[in-house]
C-alpha atoms as a PDB file:
ATOM      1  CA  LEU A   1      -1.754   8.906 -19.145  1.00  0.00           C
ATOM      2  CA  THR A   2      -0.157   5.716 -18.515  1.00  0.00           C
ATOM      3  CA  PRO A   3       1.828   5.578 -15.275  1.00  0.00           C
ATOM      4  CA  ALA A   4       5.154   5.681 -17.228  1.00  0.00           C
ATOM      5  CA  ARG A   5       4.147   8.696 -19.249  1.00  0.00           C
ATOM      6  CA  PHE A   6       2.872  10.473 -15.905  1.00  0.00           C
ATOM      7  CA  ALA A   7       6.216   9.828 -14.244  1.00  0.00           C
ATOM      8  CA  GLU A   8       7.864  11.319 -17.378  1.00  0.00           C
ATOM      9  CA  SER A   9       5.630  14.322 -17.305  1.00  0.00           C
ATOM     10  CA  ILE A  10       6.488  15.235 -13.725  1.00  0.00           C
ATOM     11  CA  GLY A  11      10.066  14.206 -13.992  1.00  0.00           C
ATOM     12  CA  ILE A  12      10.394  11.093 -11.633  1.00  0.00           C
ATOM     13  CA  GLN A  13      11.497   7.501 -12.361  1.00  0.00           C
ATOM     14  CA  ARG A  14       9.043   5.097 -13.780  1.00  0.00           C
ATOM     15  CA  SER A  15       9.950   2.661 -11.083  1.00  0.00           C
ATOM     16  CA  ALA A  16       9.107   5.234  -8.353  1.00  0.00           C
ATOM     17  CA  MET A  17       5.712   5.764 -10.048  1.00  0.00           C
ATOM     18  CA  SER A  18       5.108   1.974 -10.186  1.00  0.00           C
ATOM     19  CA  HIS A  19       5.903   1.650  -6.579  1.00  0.00           C
ATOM     20  CA  ILE A  20       3.457   4.497  -5.660  1.00  0.00           C
ATOM     21  CA  ALA A  21       0.740   3.177  -7.927  1.00  0.00           C
ATOM     22  CA  SER A  22       0.986  -0.343  -6.427  1.00  0.00           C
ATOM     23  CA  GLY A  23       0.733   0.963  -2.935  1.00  0.00           C
ATOM     24  CA  ARG A  24       4.291  -0.216  -1.855  1.00  0.00           C
ATOM     25  CA  ASN A  25       5.437   3.454  -1.353  1.00  0.00           C
ATOM     26  CA  ASN A  26       3.631   6.600  -0.588  1.00  0.00           C
ATOM     27  CA  PRO A  27       4.463   9.622  -2.691  1.00  0.00           C
ATOM     28  CA  SER A  28       7.180  11.848  -1.313  1.00  0.00           C
ATOM     29  CA  LEU A  29       6.987  15.577  -0.592  1.00  0.00           C
ATOM     30  CA  ASP A  30       9.207  15.938  -3.853  1.00  0.00           C
ATOM     31  CA  VAL A  31       6.731  14.011  -5.887  1.00  0.00           C
ATOM     32  CA  VAL A  32       3.701  15.838  -4.600  1.00  0.00           C
ATOM     33  CA  THR A  33       5.542  19.175  -5.463  1.00  0.00           C
ATOM     34  CA  LYS A  34       6.370  18.072  -8.871  1.00  0.00           C
ATOM     35  CA  ILE A  35       2.664  16.940  -9.524  1.00  0.00           C
ATOM     36  CA  LEU A  36       1.372  20.330  -8.310  1.00  0.00           C
ATOM     37  CA  GLU A  37       4.047  22.381 -10.451  1.00  0.00           C
ATOM     38  CA  ARG A  38       3.314  20.395 -13.472  1.00  0.00           C
ATOM     39  CA  TYR A  39      -0.436  20.416 -13.171  1.00  0.00           C
ATOM     40  CA  PRO A  40      -1.206  23.762 -11.481  1.00  0.00           C
ATOM     41  CA  TYR A  41      -4.993  23.193 -11.725  1.00  0.00           C
ATOM     42  CA  ILE A  42      -4.898  20.386  -9.355  1.00  0.00           C
ATOM     43  CA  ASP A  43      -6.282  21.146  -5.981  1.00  0.00           C
ATOM     44  CA  SER A  44      -3.504  20.320  -3.315  1.00  0.00           C
ATOM     45  CA  GLU A  45      -6.183  19.730  -0.748  1.00  0.00           C
ATOM     46  CA  TRP A  46      -7.548  16.985  -3.014  1.00  0.00           C
ATOM     47  CA  LEU A  47      -4.096  15.583  -3.748  1.00  0.00           C
ATOM     48  CA  LEU A  48      -2.990  15.470  -0.258  1.00  0.00           C
ATOM     49  CA  PHE A  49      -6.263  14.498   1.699  1.00  0.00           C
ATOM     50  CA  GLY A  50      -8.660  13.555  -0.891  1.00  0.00           C
ATOM     51  CA  LYS A  51     -11.237  16.264  -0.053  1.00  0.00           C
ATOM     52  CA  GLY A  52     -12.951  18.524  -2.157  1.00  0.00           C
ATOM     53  CA  SER A  53     -12.734  18.421  -6.038  1.00  0.00           C
ATOM     54  CA  MET A  54      -9.744  17.493  -8.207  1.00  0.00           C
ATOM     55  CA  CYS A  55      -9.659  20.827  -9.996  1.00  0.00           C
ATOM     56  CA  LYS A  56      -9.082  24.196  -8.192  1.00  0.00           C
ATOM     57  CA  THR A  57     -12.109  26.532  -8.639  1.00  0.00           C
ATOM     58  CA  MET A  58     -11.761  29.743 -10.602  1.00  0.00           C
ATOM     59  CA  GLU A  59     -11.262  31.854  -7.373  1.00  0.00           C
ATOM     60  CA  GLU A  60      -8.390  29.689  -6.386  1.00  0.00           C
ATOM     61  CA  ASN A  61      -6.797  30.151  -9.772  1.00  0.00           C
ATOM     62  CA  THR A  62      -6.331  33.947  -9.625  1.00  0.00           C
ATOM     63  CA  ASN A  63      -2.454  33.523  -9.926  1.00  0.00           C
ATOM     64  CA  GLU A  64      -3.030  31.913 -13.399  1.00  0.00           C
ATOM     65  CA  ALA A  65      -3.157  33.759 -16.555  1.00  0.00           C
ATOM     66  CA  PRO A  66      -6.235  35.895 -16.708  1.00  0.00           C
ATOM     67  CA  SER A  67      -7.155  35.078 -20.082  1.00  0.00           C
ATOM     68  CA  LEU A  68      -7.682  31.451 -19.194  1.00  0.00           C
ATOM     69  CA  PHE A  69     -10.086  32.030 -16.458  1.00  0.00           C
ATOM     70  CA  SER A  70     -11.762  35.267 -17.169  1.00  0.00           C
ATOM     71  CA  GLU A  71     -15.434  35.213 -18.423  1.00  0.00           C
ATOM     72  CA  SER A  72     -14.303  35.762 -21.974  1.00  0.00           C
ATOM     73  CA  GLY A  73     -11.671  33.010 -21.732  1.00  0.00           C
ATOM     74  CA  VAL A  74     -13.969  30.319 -20.504  1.00  0.00           C
ATOM     75  CA  ASN A  75     -15.958  30.411 -23.599  1.00  0.00           C
ATOM     76  CA  ARG A  76     -12.856  29.750 -25.828  1.00  0.00           C
ATOM     77  CA  PRO A  77     -13.044  26.111 -27.227  1.00  0.00           C
ATOM     78  CA  GLU A  78      -9.371  25.297 -26.045  1.00  0.00           C
ATOM     79  CA  VAL A  79     -10.219  26.266 -22.509  1.00  0.00           C
ATOM     80  CA  GLN A  80     -13.309  24.312 -22.503  1.00  0.00           C
ATOM     81  CA  ALA A  81     -11.558  21.087 -23.816  1.00  0.00           C
ATOM     82  CA  LYS A  82      -8.966  21.328 -21.225  1.00  0.00           C
ATOM     83  CA  THR A  83     -11.561  21.458 -18.340  1.00  0.00           C
ATOM     84  CA  GLU A  84     -13.608  18.832 -19.856  1.00  0.00           C
ATOM     85  CA  TYR A  85     -10.667  16.628 -20.186  1.00  0.00           C
ATOM     86  CA  ALA A  86      -9.643  17.280 -16.630  1.00  0.00           C
ATOM     87  CA  ARG A  87     -13.201  16.308 -15.407  1.00  0.00           C
ATOM     88  CA  GLU A  88     -13.190  13.154 -17.651  1.00  0.00           C
ATOM     89  CA  THR A  89      -9.770  11.864 -16.415  1.00  0.00           C
ATOM     90  CA  GLU A  90     -10.445  12.539 -12.753  1.00  0.00           C
ATOM     91  CA  VAL A  91      -8.626   9.866 -10.798  1.00  0.00           C
ATOM     92  CA  LYS A  92     -10.307   8.315  -7.811  1.00  0.00           C
ATOM     93  CA  MET A  93      -8.007   8.062  -4.815  1.00  0.00           C
ATOM     94  CA  PRO A  94      -8.234   4.786  -3.093  1.00  0.00           C
ATOM     95  CA  VAL A  95      -9.583   4.911   0.492  1.00  0.00           C
ATOM     96  CA  TYR A  96      -7.405   2.957   2.871  1.00  0.00           C
ATOM     97  CA  GLU A  97      -9.005   1.761   5.933  1.00  0.00           C
ATOM     98  CA  ARG A  98      -7.090   0.619   8.934  1.00  0.00           C
ATOM     99  CA  LYS A  99      -7.918  -3.017   9.563  1.00  0.00           C
ATOM    100  CA  GLN A 100      -8.073  -4.497  13.115  1.00  0.00           C
ATOM    101  CA  PRO A 101      -5.379  -6.902  13.815  1.00  0.00           C
ATOM    102  CA  GLU A 102      -6.405 -10.606  13.640  1.00  0.00           C
ATOM    103  CA  ILE A 103      -5.844 -12.318  16.980  1.00  0.00           C
ATOM    104  CA  GLU A 104      -5.070 -15.947  16.907  1.00  0.00           C
ATOM    105  CA  LYS A 105      -5.532 -18.334  19.886  1.00  0.00           C
ATOM    106  CA  VAL A 106      -2.868 -20.759  20.317  1.00  0.00           C
ATOM    107  CA  ILE A 107      -4.058 -23.874  22.278  1.00  0.00           C
ATOM    108  CA  TYR A 108      -1.365 -26.150  23.817  1.00  0.00           C
ATOM    109  CA  LYS A 109      -2.740 -29.624  24.370  1.00  0.00           C
ATOM    110  CA  GLU A 110      -0.998 -31.492  27.251  1.00  0.00           C
ATOM    111  CA  THR A 111       0.167 -34.904  26.071  1.00  0.00           C
ATOM    112  CA  PRO A 112       0.196 -37.594  28.800  1.00  0.00           C
ATOM    113  CA  SER A 113       3.584 -38.000  30.432  1.00  0.00           C
ATOM    114  CA  LYS A 114       5.665 -40.817  29.044  1.00  0.00           C
ATOM    115  CA  THR A 115       7.333 -43.435  31.135  1.00  0.00           C
ATOM    116  CA  ILE A 116      10.108 -45.809  30.222  1.00  0.00           C
ATOM    117  CA  SER A 117       8.855 -49.230  30.050  1.00  0.00           C
ATOM    118  CA  LYS A 118      11.884 -51.067  28.290  1.00  0.00           C
ATOM    119  CA  ILE A 119      15.534 -50.315  27.494  1.00  0.00           C
ATOM    120  CA  MET A 120      17.510 -52.410  25.173  1.00  0.00           C
ATOM    121  CA  VAL A 121      21.420 -52.257  24.908  1.00  0.00           C
ATOM    122  CA  PHE A 122      23.057 -53.739  21.675  1.00  0.00           C
ATOM    123  CA  TYR A 123      26.670 -54.765  21.964  1.00  0.00           C
ATOM    124  CA  SER A 124      29.380 -54.978  19.175  1.00  0.00           C
ATOM    125  CA  ASP A 125      29.428 -58.812  19.305  1.00  0.00           C
ATOM    126  CA  ASN A 126      25.790 -58.756  18.173  1.00  0.00           C
ATOM    127  CA  THR A 127      24.467 -59.646  21.478  1.00  0.00           C
ATOM    128  CA  PHE A 128      21.857 -57.439  23.626  1.00  0.00           C
ATOM    129  CA  ASP A 129      20.422 -57.182  26.939  1.00  0.00           C
ATOM    130  CA  THR A 130      16.796 -56.042  27.636  1.00  0.00           C
ATOM    131  CA  PHE A 131      15.847 -54.230  30.789  1.00  0.00           C
ATOM    132  CA  VAL A 132      12.118 -54.178  31.739  1.00  0.00           C
ATOM    133  CA  LEU A 133      10.635 -51.905  34.213  1.00  0.00           C
ATOM    134  CA  GLU A 134       8.607 -53.697  36.811  1.00  0.00           C
ATOM    135  CA  LYS A 135       5.071 -52.463  36.984  1.00  0.00           C
ATOM    136  CA  ASN A 136       5.161 -52.506  40.977  1.00  0.00           C
ATOM    137  CA  GLN A 137       7.913 -49.849  41.031  1.00  0.00           C
ATOM    138  CA  LYS A 138       7.209 -46.074  41.134  1.00  0.00           C
ATOM    139  CA  ASP A 139       9.324 -43.385  39.974  1.00  0.00           C
END
């Protein structure tokens, strides 16, 4: 299924599915519930925690129709096709690892202090005066 068709099949907006698939948002409880209602053979433990297999085992499906999971039902071609399809389309859940924060060192270099050596003043009549600091003077 494409993400758009999957969203349609469980009854959510395409944009919501796009945000979940891209990792921008995590699926809400409502989305998880809709997935489990629409696809009852999906193991909730696998869906929520990524543990176990994607499909429920036969013992877990006791509330399903007995003809589907009884010994006589397993040999029916349509049941075999469904279980084969479910195995072939198993989706690998991405494993998110917590990354250590990167620590950057900021080094401030001290610049040598500056002192005034000359001041020039310009007047409106296009003249100017220059004041030079004598080297013998101290601050």
